[in-house]
Amino acid sequence: MCAARSKRPRAKQSVGSLGSSSRFQTGFRIIRVELLREHLVNGNFAGMKKGLLGIGVVLAGLVGLAVFFFMWGIGKNNAMVAKRNAMDAQWAQVQSVYQRRADLIPNLVQTVKGAADFEKSTLEAVVNARASVGQVNLSTTSAPDDPQTLQKFQAAQDQLSSALSRLLVVVEKYPELRANQNFLGLQTQLEGTENRISVERGKYNETVRDYNTYIETFPNSLIAGFRNFKTKPYFEATAGAERPPQVQFDFGKTPAATNR
């Protein structure tokens, strides 16, 4: 009986040890689960942070790129506006010298009409040519867009130049006109104005070429198309039109007017 009694406490002690071990293992599992969950949560949070950071970098890059192209577009647009303004200013200068010539013609006609028996047809040609110039309406402040309109304007101006050239040649038959100081002054002014017309037309063509080349060059053409910048026509070279009227002095022949 003593042996039996001595075995019972040992059995109780074994059962208690097993219970403690089971509780320890359960607690350990709980701790492991909590640590694992915390690791997963922290890992997900870190991944989320990295993902958000990546998205932020991409968005910042896109915004920066958009700002760059916006500022680039503004710079190109401003350059086109500056070139167009320079071209328009030169066109106004061309119109100015043409107008100066037109203003000289009435005085020239009145002076020549004072000569007896002056060829009426020559005077009428000058007057009609000047009137034809006035029928072609173009802006005096902005360069024309339509090539055909510019061609009509140039043809009318060239016709006037030709009529003036013939008049100055015919004048050589009239000694009283060659001795008229008023006529000689007008003749000098007209020849100087013809020279200025040639120079200003050449400068205008240069500004048009610079403008057209700039807006047609890629990628400038993208901005030009979006902002409706259009190419402009040139003055075309006309045989003899770029030179002032050449007066032929032939004093060896007897002037026709002396036979009157």
C-alpha atoms as a PDB file:
ATOM      1  CA  MET A   1       0.000   0.000   0.000  1.00  0.00           C
ATOM      2  CA  CYS A   2       2.879   2.257   0.716  1.00  0.00           C
ATOM      3  CA  ALA A   3       4.153   1.651  -2.768  1.00  0.00           C
ATOM      4  CA  ALA A   4       0.777   2.428  -4.265  1.00  0.00           C
ATOM      5  CA  ARG A   5       0.485   5.637  -2.298  1.00  0.00           C
ATOM      6  CA  SER A   6       3.947   6.709  -3.372  1.00  0.00           C
ATOM      7  CA  LYS A   7       3.010   6.309  -7.062  1.00  0.00           C
ATOM      8  CA  ARG A   8      -0.093   8.580  -6.989  1.00  0.00           C
ATOM      9  CA  PRO A   9       1.701  11.862  -6.426  1.00  0.00           C
ATOM     10  CA  ARG A  10       4.025  11.031  -9.299  1.00  0.00           C
ATOM     11  CA  ALA A  11       1.025  10.541 -11.611  1.00  0.00           C
ATOM     12  CA  LYS A  12      -0.427  13.884 -10.533  1.00  0.00           C
ATOM     13  CA  GLN A  13       2.930  15.555 -11.102  1.00  0.00           C
ATOM     14  CA  SER A  14       3.141  14.097 -14.659  1.00  0.00           C
ATOM     15  CA  VAL A  15      -0.348  15.334 -15.557  1.00  0.00           C
ATOM     16  CA  GLY A  16       0.527  18.814 -14.232  1.00  0.00           C
ATOM     17  CA  SER A  17       3.718  18.870 -16.242  1.00  0.00           C
ATOM     18  CA  LEU A  18       1.825  17.952 -19.400  1.00  0.00           C
ATOM     19  CA  GLY A  19      -0.723  20.740 -18.769  1.00  0.00           C
ATOM     20  CA  SER A  20       1.992  23.328 -18.272  1.00  0.00           C
ATOM     21  CA  SER A  21       3.777  22.183 -21.409  1.00  0.00           C
ATOM     22  CA  SER A  22       0.550  22.385 -23.409  1.00  0.00           C
ATOM     23  CA  ARG A  23      -0.176  25.885 -22.152  1.00  0.00           C
ATOM     24  CA  PHE A  24       3.392  26.951 -22.999  1.00  0.00           C
ATOM     25  CA  GLN A  25       3.129  25.566 -26.486  1.00  0.00           C
ATOM     26  CA  THR A  26      -0.226  27.255 -27.004  1.00  0.00           C
ATOM     27  CA  GLY A  27       1.159  30.575 -25.826  1.00  0.00           C
ATOM     28  CA  PHE A  28       4.178  30.147 -28.047  1.00  0.00           C
ATOM     29  CA  ARG A  29       1.912  29.504 -31.020  1.00  0.00           C
ATOM     30  CA  ILE A  30      -0.098  32.628 -30.212  1.00  0.00           C
ATOM     31  CA  ILE A  31       3.077  34.679 -30.007  1.00  0.00           C
ATOM     32  CA  ARG A  32       4.256  33.258 -33.313  1.00  0.00           C
ATOM     33  CA  VAL A  33       0.909  34.033 -34.932  1.00  0.00           C
ATOM     34  CA  GLU A  34       0.988  37.600 -33.567  1.00  0.00           C
ATOM     35  CA  LEU A  35       4.566  38.093 -34.720  1.00  0.00           C
ATOM     36  CA  LEU A  36       3.695  36.691 -38.125  1.00  0.00           C
ATOM     37  CA  ARG A  37       0.640  38.921 -38.410  1.00  0.00           C
ATOM     38  CA  GLU A  38       2.652  41.942 -37.314  1.00  0.00           C
ATOM     39  CA  HIS A  39       5.304  41.073 -39.875  1.00  0.00           C
ATOM     40  CA  LEU A  40       2.696  40.735 -42.587  1.00  0.00           C
ATOM     41  CA  VAL A  41       1.061  44.017 -41.600  1.00  0.00           C
ATOM     42  CA  ASN A  42       4.388  45.834 -41.483  1.00  0.00           C
ATOM     43  CA  GLY A  43       5.426  44.267 -44.769  1.00  0.00           C
ATOM     44  CA  ASN A  44       2.202  45.280 -46.464  1.00  0.00           C
ATOM     45  CA  PHE A  45       2.520  48.805 -45.087  1.00  0.00           C
ATOM     46  CA  ALA A  46       6.101  49.070 -46.306  1.00  0.00           C
ATOM     47  CA  GLY A  47       5.071  47.791 -49.736  1.00  0.00           C
ATOM     48  CA  MET A  48       2.226  50.251 -49.818  1.00  0.00           C
ATOM     49  CA  LYS A  49       4.607  53.064 -48.922  1.00  0.00           C
ATOM     50  CA  LYS A  50       6.957  52.016 -51.720  1.00  0.00           C
ATOM     51  CA  GLY A  51       4.047  51.821 -54.180  1.00  0.00           C
ATOM     52  CA  LEU A  52       2.751  55.260 -53.233  1.00  0.00           C
ATOM     53  CA  LEU A  53       6.259  56.675 -53.459  1.00  0.00           C
ATOM     54  CA  GLY A  54       6.658  55.212 -56.948  1.00  0.00           C
ATOM     55  CA  ILE A  55       3.315  56.650 -58.075  1.00  0.00           C
ATOM     56  CA  GLY A  56       4.304  60.043 -56.654  1.00  0.00           C
ATOM     57  CA  VAL A  57       7.595  59.988 -58.560  1.00  0.00           C
ATOM     58  CA  VAL A  58       5.804  59.123 -61.801  1.00  0.00           C
ATOM     59  CA  LEU A  59       3.206  61.859 -61.306  1.00  0.00           C
ATOM     60  CA  ALA A  60       5.899  64.405 -60.467  1.00  0.00           C
ATOM     61  CA  GLY A  61       7.784  63.405 -63.615  1.00  0.00           C
ATOM     62  CA  LEU A  62       4.664  63.758 -65.755  1.00  0.00           C
ATOM     63  CA  VAL A  63       3.885  67.171 -64.258  1.00  0.00           C
ATOM     64  CA  GLY A  64       7.468  68.305 -64.809  1.00  0.00           C
ATOM     65  CA  LEU A  65       7.364  67.077 -68.393  1.00  0.00           C
ATOM     66  CA  ALA A  66       4.074  68.875 -69.008  1.00  0.00           C
ATOM     67  CA  VAL A  67       5.487  72.100 -67.572  1.00  0.00           C
ATOM     68  CA  PHE A  68       8.597  71.764 -69.742  1.00  0.00           C
ATOM     69  CA  PHE A  69       6.597  71.311 -72.946  1.00  0.00           C
ATOM     70  CA  PHE A  70       4.249  74.125 -71.965  1.00  0.00           C
ATOM     71  CA  MET A  71       7.134  76.537 -71.443  1.00  0.00           C
ATOM     72  CA  TRP A  72       8.793  75.288 -74.643  1.00  0.00           C
ATOM     73  CA  GLY A  73       5.577  75.936 -76.571  1.00  0.00           C
ATOM     74  CA  ILE A  74       5.310  79.442 -75.128  1.00  0.00           C
ATOM     75  CA  GLY A  75       8.895  80.190 -76.159  1.00  0.00           C
ATOM     76  CA  LYS A  76       8.315  78.957 -79.719  1.00  0.00           C
ATOM     77  CA  ASN A  77       5.061  80.868 -79.985  1.00  0.00           C
ATOM     78  CA  ASN A  78       6.709  84.082 -78.814  1.00  0.00           C
ATOM     79  CA  ALA A  79       9.529  83.621 -81.327  1.00  0.00           C
ATOM     80  CA  MET A  80       6.994  83.212 -84.145  1.00  0.00           C
ATOM     81  CA  VAL A  81       5.128  86.325 -83.022  1.00  0.00           C
ATOM     82  CA  ALA A  82       8.391  88.301 -82.993  1.00  0.00           C
ATOM     83  CA  LYS A  83       9.288  87.160 -86.527  1.00  0.00           C
ATOM     84  CA  ARG A  84       5.791  87.901 -87.789  1.00  0.00           C
ATOM     85  CA  ASN A  85       5.910  91.378 -86.258  1.00  0.00           C
ATOM     86  CA  ALA A  86       9.280  92.046 -87.893  1.00  0.00           C
ATOM     87  CA  MET A  87       7.838  90.945 -91.232  1.00  0.00           C
ATOM     88  CA  ASP A  88       4.752  93.139 -90.802  1.00  0.00           C
ATOM     89  CA  ALA A  89       6.963  96.102 -89.907  1.00  0.00           C
ATOM     90  CA  GLN A  90       8.975  95.602 -93.087  1.00  0.00           C
ATOM     91  CA  TRP A  91       5.771  95.288 -95.115  1.00  0.00           C
ATOM     92  CA  ALA A  92       4.654  98.644 -93.697  1.00  0.00           C
ATOM     93  CA  GLN A  93       7.988 100.091 -94.820  1.00  0.00           C
ATOM     94  CA  VAL A  94       7.385  98.783 -98.362  1.00  0.00           C
ATOM     95  CA  GLN A  95       3.944 100.344 -98.383  1.00  0.00           C
ATOM     96  CA  SER A  96       5.435 103.601 -97.145  1.00  0.00           C
ATOM     97  CA  VAL A  97       7.881 103.970-100.035  1.00  0.00           C
ATOM     98  CA  TYR A  98       5.207 103.002-102.550  1.00  0.00           C
ATOM     99  CA  GLN A  99       2.949 105.655-101.075  1.00  0.00           C
ATOM    100  CA  ARG A 100       5.741 108.213-101.298  1.00  0.00           C
ATOM    101  CA  ARG A 101       6.046 107.531-105.013  1.00  0.00           C
ATOM    102  CA  ALA A 102       2.291 107.806-105.491  1.00  0.00           C
ATOM    103  CA  ASP A 103       2.307 111.166-103.708  1.00  0.00           C
ATOM    104  CA  LEU A 104       4.982 112.523-106.063  1.00  0.00           C
ATOM    105  CA  ILE A 105       3.070 111.659-109.239  1.00  0.00           C
ATOM    106  CA  PRO A 106       0.364 114.399-109.144  1.00  0.00           C
ATOM    107  CA  ASN A 107       2.996 117.141-108.934  1.00  0.00           C
ATOM    108  CA  LEU A 108       4.996 115.454-111.674  1.00  0.00           C
ATOM    109  CA  VAL A 109       1.954 115.261-113.961  1.00  0.00           C
ATOM    110  CA  GLN A 110       1.026 118.886-113.355  1.00  0.00           C
ATOM    111  CA  THR A 111       4.572 120.013-114.106  1.00  0.00           C
ATOM    112  CA  VAL A 112       4.796 117.977-117.318  1.00  0.00           C
ATOM    113  CA  LYS A 113       1.366 119.137-118.508  1.00  0.00           C
ATOM    114  CA  GLY A 114       2.740 122.659-118.587  1.00  0.00           C
ATOM    115  CA  ALA A 115       4.959 121.751-121.517  1.00  0.00           C
ATOM    116  CA  ALA A 116       3.376 122.540-124.851  1.00  0.00           C
ATOM    117  CA  ASP A 117       2.314 119.572-127.002  1.00  0.00           C
ATOM    118  CA  PHE A 118       3.502 116.993-124.442  1.00  0.00           C
ATOM    119  CA  GLU A 119       2.405 113.506-125.418  1.00  0.00           C
ATOM    120  CA  LYS A 120      -1.022 113.074-123.902  1.00  0.00           C
ATOM    121  CA  SER A 121      -0.947 109.277-124.080  1.00  0.00           C
ATOM    122  CA  THR A 122       2.178 109.130-121.920  1.00  0.00           C
ATOM    123  CA  LEU A 123       0.567 111.236-119.195  1.00  0.00           C
ATOM    124  CA  GLU A 124      -2.642 109.195-119.358  1.00  0.00           C
ATOM    125  CA  ALA A 125      -0.651 105.991-118.946  1.00  0.00           C
ATOM    126  CA  VAL A 126       0.909 107.315-115.744  1.00  0.00           C
ATOM    127  CA  VAL A 127      -2.403 108.547-114.354  1.00  0.00           C
ATOM    128  CA  ASN A 128      -4.199 105.288-115.193  1.00  0.00           C
ATOM    129  CA  ALA A 129      -1.401 103.177-113.740  1.00  0.00           C
ATOM    130  CA  ARG A 130      -1.532 105.146-110.499  1.00  0.00           C
ATOM    131  CA  ALA A 131      -5.301 104.627-110.348  1.00  0.00           C
ATOM    132  CA  SER A 132      -4.852 100.876-110.891  1.00  0.00           C
ATOM    133  CA  VAL A 133      -2.535 100.712-107.892  1.00  0.00           C
ATOM    134  CA  GLY A 134      -5.259 102.213-105.715  1.00  0.00           C
ATOM    135  CA  GLN A 135      -7.720  99.506-106.776  1.00  0.00           C
ATOM    136  CA  VAL A 136      -5.670  96.735-105.122  1.00  0.00           C
ATOM    137  CA  ASN A 137      -6.572  96.907-101.450  1.00  0.00           C
ATOM    138  CA  LEU A 138      -3.967  95.517 -99.063  1.00  0.00           C
ATOM    139  CA  SER A 139      -3.378  96.144 -95.394  1.00  0.00           C
ATOM    140  CA  THR A 140      -0.657  98.667 -94.706  1.00  0.00           C
ATOM    141  CA  THR A 141       0.242  97.093 -91.347  1.00  0.00           C
ATOM    142  CA  SER A 142       0.213  93.319 -91.900  1.00  0.00           C
ATOM    143  CA  ALA A 143       1.792  91.226 -94.635  1.00  0.00           C
ATOM    144  CA  PRO A 144      -0.634  89.630 -97.121  1.00  0.00           C
ATOM    145  CA  ASP A 145      -1.527  85.942 -96.883  1.00  0.00           C
ATOM    146  CA  ASP A 146      -2.824  85.403-100.409  1.00  0.00           C
ATOM    147  CA  PRO A 147      -0.138  85.016-103.122  1.00  0.00           C
ATOM    148  CA  GLN A 148      -2.564  86.039-105.895  1.00  0.00           C
ATOM    149  CA  THR A 149      -3.440  89.298-104.147  1.00  0.00           C
ATOM    150  CA  LEU A 150       0.242  90.135-103.744  1.00  0.00           C
ATOM    151  CA  GLN A 151       0.828  89.322-107.416  1.00  0.00           C
ATOM    152  CA  LYS A 152      -1.937  91.735-108.443  1.00  0.00           C
ATOM    153  CA  PHE A 153      -0.456  94.414-106.201  1.00  0.00           C
ATOM    154  CA  GLN A 154       3.021  93.864-107.614  1.00  0.00           C
ATOM    155  CA  ALA A 155       1.731  93.875-111.215  1.00  0.00           C
ATOM    156  CA  ALA A 156      -0.021  97.214-110.651  1.00  0.00           C
ATOM    157  CA  GLN A 157       3.085  98.724-109.050  1.00  0.00           C
ATOM    158  CA  ASP A 158       5.316  97.425-111.844  1.00  0.00           C
ATOM    159  CA  GLN A 159       2.955  98.874-114.432  1.00  0.00           C
ATOM    160  CA  LEU A 160       3.265 102.255-112.742  1.00  0.00           C
ATOM    161  CA  SER A 161       7.064 101.958-112.713  1.00  0.00           C
ATOM    162  CA  SER A 162       7.014 101.206-116.432  1.00  0.00           C
ATOM    163  CA  ALA A 163       4.739 104.177-117.190  1.00  0.00           C
ATOM    164  CA  LEU A 164       6.987 106.502-115.192  1.00  0.00           C
ATOM    165  CA  SER A 165      10.033 105.195-116.997  1.00  0.00           C
ATOM    166  CA  ARG A 166       8.457 105.959-120.388  1.00  0.00           C
ATOM    167  CA  LEU A 167       7.465 109.427-119.226  1.00  0.00           C
ATOM    168  CA  LEU A 168      11.001 110.254-118.156  1.00  0.00           C
ATOM    169  CA  VAL A 169      12.318 109.083-121.494  1.00  0.00           C
ATOM    170  CA  VAL A 170       9.810 111.197-123.422  1.00  0.00           C
ATOM    171  CA  VAL A 171      10.689 114.225-121.303  1.00  0.00           C
ATOM    172  CA  GLU A 172      14.109 114.266-122.955  1.00  0.00           C
ATOM    173  CA  LYS A 173      12.440 115.573-126.102  1.00  0.00           C
ATOM    174  CA  TYR A 174      11.397 118.724-124.282  1.00  0.00           C
ATOM    175  CA  PRO A 175      14.261 121.079-123.390  1.00  0.00           C
ATOM    176  CA  GLU A 176      12.014 123.365-121.358  1.00  0.00           C
ATOM    177  CA  LEU A 177      11.253 120.470-119.004  1.00  0.00           C
ATOM    178  CA  ARG A 178      14.901 119.503-118.706  1.00  0.00           C
ATOM    179  CA  ALA A 179      15.547 123.107-117.639  1.00  0.00           C
ATOM    180  CA  ASN A 180      12.615 123.176-115.201  1.00  0.00           C
ATOM    181  CA  GLN A 181      14.011 123.035-111.663  1.00  0.00           C
ATOM    182  CA  ASN A 182      10.733 121.793-110.242  1.00  0.00           C
ATOM    183  CA  PHE A 183      10.683 118.880-112.682  1.00  0.00           C
ATOM    184  CA  LEU A 184      14.337 118.067-112.073  1.00  0.00           C
ATOM    185  CA  GLY A 185      13.682 117.951-108.319  1.00  0.00           C
ATOM    186  CA  LEU A 186      10.696 115.629-108.799  1.00  0.00           C
ATOM    187  CA  GLN A 187      12.717 113.429-111.152  1.00  0.00           C
ATOM    188  CA  THR A 188      15.483 113.085-108.569  1.00  0.00           C
ATOM    189  CA  GLN A 189      12.976 112.212-105.851  1.00  0.00           C
ATOM    190  CA  LEU A 190      11.286 109.621-108.054  1.00  0.00           C
ATOM    191  CA  GLU A 191      14.553 107.924-108.928  1.00  0.00           C
ATOM    192  CA  GLY A 192      15.548 107.867-105.254  1.00  0.00           C
ATOM    193  CA  THR A 193      12.148 106.433-104.348  1.00  0.00           C
ATOM    194  CA  GLU A 194      12.500 103.680-106.963  1.00  0.00           C
ATOM    195  CA  ASN A 195      15.806 102.748-105.368  1.00  0.00           C
ATOM    196  CA  ARG A 196      14.194 102.658-101.930  1.00  0.00           C
ATOM    197  CA  ILE A 197      11.383 100.462-103.265  1.00  0.00           C
ATOM    198  CA  SER A 198      13.904  97.939-104.546  1.00  0.00           C
ATOM    199  CA  VAL A 199      15.785  97.930-101.231  1.00  0.00           C
ATOM    200  CA  GLU A 200      12.686  97.643 -99.046  1.00  0.00           C
ATOM    201  CA  ARG A 201      11.209  94.867-101.176  1.00  0.00           C
ATOM    202  CA  GLY A 202      14.442  92.935-100.828  1.00  0.00           C
ATOM    203  CA  LYS A 203      14.400  93.375 -97.056  1.00  0.00           C
ATOM    204  CA  TYR A 204      10.771  92.280 -96.941  1.00  0.00           C
ATOM    205  CA  ASN A 205      11.556  89.082 -98.830  1.00  0.00           C
ATOM    206  CA  GLU A 206      14.335  88.353 -96.331  1.00  0.00           C
ATOM    207  CA  THR A 207      11.987  88.688 -93.346  1.00  0.00           C
ATOM    208  CA  VAL A 208       9.383  86.500 -95.093  1.00  0.00           C
ATOM    209  CA  ARG A 209      11.999  83.839 -95.802  1.00  0.00           C
ATOM    210  CA  ASP A 210      13.142  83.874 -92.172  1.00  0.00           C
ATOM    211  CA  TYR A 211       9.559  83.642 -90.903  1.00  0.00           C
ATOM    212  CA  ASN A 212       8.487  80.906 -93.331  1.00  0.00           C
ATOM    213  CA  THR A 213      11.570  78.800 -92.645  1.00  0.00           C
ATOM    214  CA  TYR A 214      11.050  79.042 -88.896  1.00  0.00           C
ATOM    215  CA  ILE A 215       7.387  78.008 -88.886  1.00  0.00           C
ATOM    216  CA  GLU A 216       7.880  75.204 -91.413  1.00  0.00           C
ATOM    217  CA  THR A 217      10.790  73.585 -89.539  1.00  0.00           C
ATOM    218  CA  PHE A 218       9.898  70.612 -87.310  1.00  0.00           C
ATOM    219  CA  PRO A 219       8.951  70.679 -84.456  1.00  0.00           C
ATOM    220  CA  ASN A 220       8.120  74.391 -84.800  1.00  0.00           C
ATOM    221  CA  SER A 221       5.531  73.413 -87.394  1.00  0.00           C
ATOM    222  CA  LEU A 222       3.501  71.706 -84.638  1.00  0.00           C
ATOM    223  CA  ILE A 223       3.137  74.965 -82.723  1.00  0.00           C
ATOM    224  CA  ALA A 224       2.599  76.926 -85.954  1.00  0.00           C
ATOM    225  CA  GLY A 225      -0.257  74.647 -86.976  1.00  0.00           C
ATOM    226  CA  PHE A 226      -1.844  74.788 -83.548  1.00  0.00           C
ATOM    227  CA  ARG A 227      -1.542  78.596 -83.364  1.00  0.00           C
ATOM    228  CA  ASN A 228      -2.528  79.116 -87.037  1.00  0.00           C
ATOM    229  CA  PHE A 229       0.717  80.714 -88.215  1.00  0.00           C
ATOM    230  CA  LYS A 230       0.647  80.638 -92.030  1.00  0.00           C
ATOM    231  CA  THR A 231       3.378  81.060 -94.615  1.00  0.00           C
ATOM    232  CA  LYS A 232       3.541  84.362 -96.487  1.00  0.00           C
ATOM    233  CA  PRO A 233       4.160  85.005-100.208  1.00  0.00           C
ATOM    234  CA  TYR A 234       7.215  86.784-101.584  1.00  0.00           C
ATOM    235  CA  PHE A 235       7.668  89.600-104.019  1.00  0.00           C
ATOM    236  CA  GLU A 236       8.663  88.004-107.302  1.00  0.00           C
ATOM    237  CA  ALA A 237      11.595  89.334-109.263  1.00  0.00           C
ATOM    238  CA  THR A 238      10.489  91.250-112.338  1.00  0.00           C
ATOM    239  CA  ALA A 239      12.887  91.962-115.142  1.00  0.00           C
ATOM    240  CA  GLY A 240      13.990  95.570-114.742  1.00  0.00           C
ATOM    241  CA  ALA A 241      11.545  96.295-111.938  1.00  0.00           C
ATOM    242  CA  GLU A 242      14.277  96.177-109.308  1.00  0.00           C
ATOM    243  CA  ARG A 243      16.160  99.026-111.013  1.00  0.00           C
ATOM    244  CA  PRO A 244      15.225 102.725-111.063  1.00  0.00           C
ATOM    245  CA  PRO A 245      14.065 104.175-114.394  1.00  0.00           C
ATOM    246  CA  GLN A 246      16.983 104.665-116.747  1.00  0.00           C
ATOM    247  CA  VAL A 247      16.850 107.982-118.583  1.00  0.00           C
ATOM    248  CA  GLN A 248      18.567 107.929-121.955  1.00  0.00           C
ATOM    249  CA  PHE A 249      20.245 111.223-122.752  1.00  0.00           C
ATOM    250  CA  ASP A 250      20.731 111.654-126.504  1.00  0.00           C
ATOM    251  CA  PHE A 251      21.695 115.235-127.135  1.00  0.00           C
ATOM    252  CA  GLY A 252      23.033 114.452-130.606  1.00  0.00           C
ATOM    253  CA  LYS A 253      19.534 114.373-132.074  1.00  0.00           C
ATOM    254  CA  THR A 254      17.441 117.429-132.599  1.00  0.00           C
ATOM    255  CA  PRO A 255      14.590 117.394-130.049  1.00  0.00           C
ATOM    256  CA  ALA A 256      11.179 116.904-131.608  1.00  0.00           C
ATOM    257  CA  ALA A 257       9.900 119.937-129.744  1.00  0.00           C
ATOM    258  CA  THR A 258      12.222 122.276-131.664  1.00  0.00           C
ATOM    259  CA  ASN A 259      10.308 121.619-134.881  1.00  0.00           C
ATOM    260  CA  ARG A 260       7.232 123.310-133.525  1.00  0.00           C
END
